[in-house]
Amino acid sequence: MTIYKKFKNPSQMTEEEQQKAGAAAIGTVVTFFIKPIIVKSLWNWLMPTLFGIAAITYWQAMGLGLLISLLFKNHNESN
């Protein structure tokens, strides 16, 4: 039994599958860098005004996003 059953070798993929995989990879990278900007903007807009909490930097927002994903996402993707 293999744990790689849902992954295909790119040479065995159709052109459409390769395009979907490429789009998914680009989407993942863009999301990785854009999500902290959104978190930072929302935090710095709301938290200091509402609760008197200090503003955060891009890297702190990235760390906060990582912490949230570790705490609240289900990483057990066994089918």
N, C-alpha and C. Protein backbone atom coordinates (compact mmCIF):
# COMPACT_ATOMS: atom_id res chain seq x y z
N MET A 1 0.85 -1.17 0.00
CA MET A 1 0.00 0.00 0.00
C MET A 1 0.89 1.24 0.00
N THR A 2 0.46 2.24 -0.73
CA THR A 2 1.25 3.46 -0.83
C THR A 2 0.45 4.66 -0.34
N ILE A 3 1.14 5.63 0.19
CA ILE A 3 0.47 6.85 0.65
C ILE A 3 0.38 7.88 -0.48
N TYR A 4 0.95 7.56 -1.64
CA TYR A 4 0.99 8.49 -2.75
C TYR A 4 -0.03 8.17 -3.84
N LYS A 5 -1.11 7.48 -3.49
CA LYS A 5 -2.05 7.04 -4.51
C LYS A 5 -2.79 8.19 -5.19
N LYS A 6 -2.92 9.34 -4.54
CA LYS A 6 -3.63 10.44 -5.17
C LYS A 6 -2.71 11.35 -5.98
N PHE A 7 -1.41 11.10 -5.99
CA PHE A 7 -0.46 11.90 -6.74
C PHE A 7 -0.06 11.18 -8.01
N LYS A 8 0.03 11.93 -9.10
CA LYS A 8 0.45 11.37 -10.38
C LYS A 8 1.78 11.98 -10.79
N ASN A 9 2.53 11.21 -11.53
CA ASN A 9 3.74 11.72 -12.15
C ASN A 9 3.31 12.71 -13.23
N PRO A 10 3.90 13.91 -13.31
CA PRO A 10 3.48 14.88 -14.33
C PRO A 10 3.53 14.34 -15.75
N SER A 11 4.42 13.40 -16.03
CA SER A 11 4.47 12.84 -17.38
C SER A 11 3.26 11.96 -17.68
N GLN A 12 2.55 11.52 -16.65
CA GLN A 12 1.37 10.68 -16.84
C GLN A 12 0.07 11.50 -16.79
N MET A 13 0.18 12.82 -16.61
CA MET A 13 -0.99 13.68 -16.52
C MET A 13 -1.38 14.20 -17.89
N THR A 14 -2.67 14.45 -18.04
CA THR A 14 -3.12 15.10 -19.27
C THR A 14 -2.79 16.58 -19.18
N GLU A 15 -2.91 17.27 -20.29
CA GLU A 15 -2.62 18.70 -20.33
C GLU A 15 -3.54 19.47 -19.37
N GLU A 16 -4.80 19.07 -19.32
CA GLU A 16 -5.76 19.73 -18.44
C GLU A 16 -5.40 19.52 -16.97
N GLU A 17 -4.99 18.31 -16.61
CA GLU A 17 -4.58 18.03 -15.23
C GLU A 17 -3.33 18.82 -14.85
N GLN A 18 -2.40 18.95 -15.79
CA GLN A 18 -1.20 19.74 -15.52
C GLN A 18 -1.55 21.20 -15.30
N GLN A 19 -2.48 21.73 -16.09
CA GLN A 19 -2.89 23.12 -15.92
C GLN A 19 -3.59 23.34 -14.58
N LYS A 20 -4.43 22.39 -14.18
CA LYS A 20 -5.11 22.50 -12.89
C LYS A 20 -4.10 22.43 -11.74
N ALA A 21 -3.13 21.54 -11.85
CA ALA A 21 -2.12 21.42 -10.80
C ALA A 21 -1.28 22.69 -10.72
N GLY A 22 -0.93 23.26 -11.87
CA GLY A 22 -0.16 24.50 -11.89
C GLY A 22 -0.95 25.66 -11.30
N ALA A 23 -2.23 25.75 -11.64
CA ALA A 23 -3.07 26.81 -11.10
C ALA A 23 -3.23 26.66 -9.58
N ALA A 24 -3.36 25.43 -9.12
CA ALA A 24 -3.48 25.19 -7.68
C ALA A 24 -2.20 25.59 -6.95
N ALA A 25 -1.05 25.30 -7.56
CA ALA A 25 0.23 25.66 -6.94
C ALA A 25 0.39 27.18 -6.87
N ILE A 26 0.04 27.85 -7.95
CA ILE A 26 0.14 29.32 -7.96
C ILE A 26 -0.84 29.92 -6.96
N GLY A 27 -2.04 29.37 -6.89
CA GLY A 27 -3.03 29.84 -5.92
C GLY A 27 -2.55 29.67 -4.48
N THR A 28 -1.90 28.57 -4.21
CA THR A 28 -1.38 28.32 -2.87
C THR A 28 -0.30 29.33 -2.50
N VAL A 29 0.61 29.60 -3.42
CA VAL A 29 1.69 30.57 -3.16
C VAL A 29 1.12 31.97 -2.96
N VAL A 30 0.19 32.36 -3.83
CA VAL A 30 -0.42 33.69 -3.70
C VAL A 30 -1.16 33.81 -2.37
N THR A 31 -1.93 32.79 -2.02
CA THR A 31 -2.65 32.81 -0.75
C THR A 31 -1.70 32.91 0.44
N PHE A 32 -0.57 32.21 0.36
CA PHE A 32 0.41 32.22 1.44
C PHE A 32 0.92 33.63 1.71
N PHE A 33 1.08 34.45 0.66
CA PHE A 33 1.62 35.79 0.84
C PHE A 33 0.54 36.86 0.98
N ILE A 34 -0.66 36.63 0.49
CA ILE A 34 -1.73 37.62 0.55
C ILE A 34 -2.50 37.54 1.87
N LYS A 35 -2.70 36.34 2.39
CA LYS A 35 -3.47 36.17 3.62
C LYS A 35 -2.91 36.99 4.78
N PRO A 36 -1.60 37.03 5.01
CA PRO A 36 -1.09 37.87 6.11
C PRO A 36 -1.37 39.36 5.91
N ILE A 37 -1.40 39.82 4.66
CA ILE A 37 -1.72 41.23 4.41
C ILE A 37 -3.15 41.52 4.84
N ILE A 38 -4.06 40.59 4.55
CA ILE A 38 -5.46 40.77 4.93
C ILE A 38 -5.59 40.73 6.45
N VAL A 39 -4.93 39.76 7.10
CA VAL A 39 -4.98 39.65 8.56
C VAL A 39 -4.42 40.92 9.20
N LYS A 40 -3.28 41.38 8.71
CA LYS A 40 -2.64 42.59 9.25
C LYS A 40 -3.54 43.80 9.09
N SER A 41 -4.13 43.96 7.92
CA SER A 41 -4.98 45.12 7.68
C SER A 41 -6.21 45.12 8.59
N LEU A 42 -6.86 43.97 8.69
CA LEU A 42 -8.04 43.89 9.56
C LEU A 42 -7.69 44.07 11.03
N TRP A 43 -6.59 43.45 11.46
CA TRP A 43 -6.17 43.59 12.85
C TRP A 43 -5.86 45.04 13.17
N ASN A 44 -5.05 45.70 12.32
CA ASN A 44 -4.63 47.07 12.60
C ASN A 44 -5.78 48.06 12.45
N TRP A 45 -6.82 47.69 11.73
CA TRP A 45 -7.99 48.55 11.59
C TRP A 45 -8.91 48.43 12.81
N LEU A 46 -9.10 47.19 13.30
CA LEU A 46 -10.09 46.96 14.35
C LEU A 46 -9.53 46.91 15.77
N MET A 47 -8.50 46.14 15.99
CA MET A 47 -8.05 45.84 17.36
C MET A 47 -7.56 47.06 18.14
N PRO A 48 -6.71 47.92 17.58
CA PRO A 48 -6.28 49.08 18.37
C PRO A 48 -7.44 49.99 18.78
N THR A 49 -8.39 50.16 17.88
CA THR A 49 -9.53 51.04 18.16
C THR A 49 -10.48 50.42 19.17
N LEU A 50 -10.81 49.15 18.99
CA LEU A 50 -11.81 48.51 19.84
C LEU A 50 -11.27 48.11 21.21
N PHE A 51 -10.06 47.55 21.24
CA PHE A 51 -9.55 46.96 22.48
C PHE A 51 -8.25 47.58 22.99
N GLY A 52 -7.70 48.54 22.27
CA GLY A 52 -6.45 49.16 22.71
C GLY A 52 -5.25 48.25 22.56
N ILE A 53 -5.33 47.26 21.68
CA ILE A 53 -4.23 46.32 21.44
C ILE A 53 -3.30 46.92 20.40
N ALA A 54 -2.01 46.66 20.50
CA ALA A 54 -1.02 47.24 19.58
C ALA A 54 -1.20 46.71 18.16
N ALA A 55 -0.76 47.52 17.20
CA ALA A 55 -0.75 47.12 15.79
C ALA A 55 0.30 46.03 15.58
N ILE A 56 0.13 45.23 14.51
CA ILE A 56 1.07 44.15 14.22
C ILE A 56 1.73 44.35 12.87
N THR A 57 2.86 43.65 12.65
CA THR A 57 3.59 43.72 11.39
C THR A 57 3.14 42.59 10.48
N TYR A 58 3.66 42.61 9.24
CA TYR A 58 3.36 41.55 8.27
C TYR A 58 3.78 40.18 8.82
N TRP A 59 4.98 40.10 9.38
CA TRP A 59 5.50 38.82 9.86
C TRP A 59 4.72 38.31 11.07
N GLN A 60 4.27 39.22 11.92
CA GLN A 60 3.43 38.81 13.04
C GLN A 60 2.08 38.30 12.54
N ALA A 61 1.55 38.93 11.49
CA ALA A 61 0.29 38.46 10.91
C ALA A 61 0.48 37.09 10.29
N MET A 62 1.63 36.84 9.65
CA MET A 62 1.91 35.53 9.07
C MET A 62 1.98 34.47 10.18
N GLY A 63 2.64 34.80 11.27
CA GLY A 63 2.71 33.89 12.41
C GLY A 63 1.36 33.63 13.03
N LEU A 64 0.53 34.67 13.12
CA LEU A 64 -0.81 34.52 13.65
C LEU A 64 -1.65 33.61 12.76
N GLY A 65 -1.53 33.80 11.45
CA GLY A 65 -2.25 32.94 10.51
C GLY A 65 -1.81 31.48 10.62
N LEU A 66 -0.51 31.26 10.77
CA LEU A 66 0.01 29.90 10.94
C LEU A 66 -0.51 29.27 12.23
N LEU A 67 -0.50 30.05 13.30
CA LEU A 67 -1.00 29.55 14.58
C LEU A 67 -2.48 29.18 14.47
N ILE A 68 -3.26 30.02 13.83
CA ILE A 68 -4.69 29.74 13.67
C ILE A 68 -4.90 28.47 12.85
N SER A 69 -4.12 28.32 11.76
CA SER A 69 -4.29 27.12 10.93
C SER A 69 -3.89 25.86 11.69
N LEU A 70 -2.87 25.94 12.53
CA LEU A 70 -2.47 24.77 13.31
C LEU A 70 -3.53 24.41 14.36
N LEU A 71 -4.16 25.42 14.93
CA LEU A 71 -5.13 25.16 15.99
C LEU A 71 -6.50 24.73 15.46
N PHE A 72 -6.92 25.27 14.34
CA PHE A 72 -8.31 25.09 13.93
C PHE A 72 -8.54 24.30 12.65
N LYS A 73 -7.52 24.00 11.88
CA LYS A 73 -7.72 23.23 10.65
C LYS A 73 -7.56 21.75 10.94
N ASN A 74 -8.30 20.94 10.19
CA ASN A 74 -8.19 19.49 10.30
C ASN A 74 -7.12 19.03 9.32
N HIS A 75 -5.95 18.65 9.81
CA HIS A 75 -4.86 18.24 8.93
C HIS A 75 -4.84 16.73 8.70
N ASN A 76 -5.82 16.02 9.22
CA ASN A 76 -5.93 14.57 9.03
C ASN A 76 -6.78 14.34 7.78
N GLU A 77 -6.12 14.21 6.64
CA GLU A 77 -6.84 14.07 5.37
C GLU A 77 -6.84 12.64 4.86
N SER A 78 -6.95 11.67 5.74
CA SER A 78 -7.00 10.29 5.29
C SER A 78 -8.41 9.96 4.84
N ASN A 79 -8.50 9.31 3.68
CA ASN A 79 -9.81 8.98 3.11
C ASN A 79 -10.17 7.56 3.37
